[in-house]
Amino acid sequence: MEWFFGPFFAFFGLFTLAGFILWIWALIDCVRVPDDSMFQSGNKLVWVLIIVFAHFIGAILYLLIGRPKAGATPEPSPAPGQAPPMPPPPPS
């Protein structure tokens, strides 16, 4: 039986370590996003809670549907008392 448990636990250990590294990486990536408007959906607090409480699955969800697109920039916020700028006209 030793021949079975050795490789089994080695594989399980590597899988667990990879999941933990992915979880830490997703959590750090989420916290480092400078502005809530950059997320594809939700905001920073929601994604941190999802990643922390759902662990590996939360990290995968964040990477698939919450992470900002590459090169995303924060949306400028209007000055207090001003209306947001109008969107550009549609192409004709």
Protein backbone atom coordinates (compact mmCIF):
# COMPACT_ATOMS: atom_id res chain seq x y z
CA MET A 1 0.00 0.00 0.00
CA GLU A 2 2.94 2.33 0.43
CA TRP A 3 3.37 2.58 -3.32
CA PHE A 4 -0.20 3.98 -3.58
CA PHE A 5 -0.13 6.55 -0.78
CA GLY A 6 3.23 8.07 -1.72
CA PRO A 7 2.25 9.37 -5.18
CA PHE A 8 -1.32 10.10 -4.08
CA PHE A 9 -0.26 12.42 -1.26
CA ALA A 10 2.47 14.00 -3.39
CA PHE A 11 -0.10 14.87 -6.08
CA PHE A 12 -2.59 16.11 -3.49
CA GLY A 13 0.11 18.23 -1.86
CA LEU A 14 1.11 19.83 -5.17
CA PHE A 15 -2.53 20.52 -6.02
CA THR A 16 -3.09 22.11 -2.60
CA LEU A 17 0.05 24.24 -2.90
CA ALA A 18 -0.94 25.43 -6.40
CA GLY A 19 -4.43 26.35 -5.14
CA PHE A 20 -2.98 28.27 -2.20
CA ILE A 21 -0.58 30.19 -4.46
CA LEU A 22 -3.44 31.05 -6.84
CA TRP A 23 -5.57 32.20 -3.88
CA ILE A 24 -2.83 34.48 -2.50
CA TRP A 25 -2.05 35.88 -5.97
CA ALA A 26 -5.72 36.70 -6.67
CA LEU A 27 -6.12 38.35 -3.27
CA ILE A 28 -3.02 40.53 -3.75
CA ASP A 29 -4.06 41.37 -7.31
CA CYS A 30 -7.53 42.43 -6.13
CA VAL A 31 -6.23 44.59 -3.29
CA ARG A 32 -3.75 46.38 -5.56
CA VAL A 33 -6.42 47.65 -7.98
CA PRO A 34 -6.44 51.43 -7.36
CA ASP A 35 -10.07 52.25 -8.20
CA ASP A 36 -13.38 50.40 -7.90
CA SER A 37 -14.45 51.58 -11.37
CA MET A 38 -11.75 49.39 -12.96
CA PHE A 39 -13.36 46.06 -11.99
CA GLN A 40 -15.46 44.36 -14.67
CA SER A 41 -18.21 43.83 -12.10
CA GLY A 42 -18.59 44.53 -8.41
CA ASN A 43 -16.15 46.49 -6.28
CA LYS A 44 -13.03 45.80 -4.24
CA LEU A 45 -14.79 44.92 -0.98
CA VAL A 46 -17.07 42.41 -2.67
CA TRP A 47 -14.19 40.70 -4.50
CA VAL A 48 -11.96 40.54 -1.43
CA LEU A 49 -14.80 38.91 0.53
CA ILE A 50 -15.50 36.44 -2.29
CA ILE A 51 -11.82 35.49 -2.56
CA VAL A 52 -11.35 35.16 1.21
CA PHE A 53 -14.49 33.14 1.92
CA ALA A 54 -14.64 31.01 -1.24
CA HIS A 55 -10.86 30.35 -1.36
CA PHE A 56 -9.82 28.56 -4.56
CA ILE A 57 -13.21 28.91 -6.26
CA GLY A 58 -13.39 32.61 -5.30
CA ALA A 59 -9.96 33.19 -6.80
CA ILE A 60 -11.01 31.53 -10.05
CA LEU A 61 -14.25 33.58 -10.14
CA TYR A 62 -12.28 36.78 -9.61
CA LEU A 63 -9.86 35.94 -12.41
CA LEU A 64 -12.68 35.04 -14.82
CA ILE A 65 -15.33 37.71 -14.18
CA GLY A 66 -14.00 40.39 -11.84
CA ARG A 67 -10.43 41.21 -12.72
CA PRO A 68 -9.87 44.47 -14.60
CA LYS A 69 -8.95 44.15 -18.25
CA ALA A 70 -5.29 44.69 -19.13
CA GLY A 71 -4.57 48.39 -19.54
CA ALA A 72 -7.79 49.52 -17.82
CA THR A 73 -7.68 53.04 -16.40
CA PRO A 74 -9.88 54.49 -13.68
CA GLU A 75 -12.81 56.57 -14.82
CA PRO A 76 -12.39 60.25 -13.95
CA SER A 77 -14.89 61.40 -11.38
CA PRO A 78 -16.66 64.74 -11.90
CA ALA A 79 -15.89 67.64 -9.61
CA PRO A 80 -18.36 68.12 -6.75
CA GLY A 81 -21.53 69.83 -7.96
CA GLN A 82 -20.89 69.06 -11.64
CA ALA A 83 -22.75 66.61 -13.83
CA PRO A 84 -20.74 63.78 -15.37
CA PRO A 85 -19.52 64.45 -18.91
CA MET A 86 -21.77 63.47 -21.79
CA PRO A 87 -20.79 60.34 -23.73
CA PRO A 88 -19.42 60.86 -27.23
CA PRO A 89 -21.95 60.88 -30.09
CA PRO A 90 -22.40 57.62 -31.97
CA PRO A 91 -20.44 57.29 -35.21
CA SER A 92 -22.37 58.24 -38.29
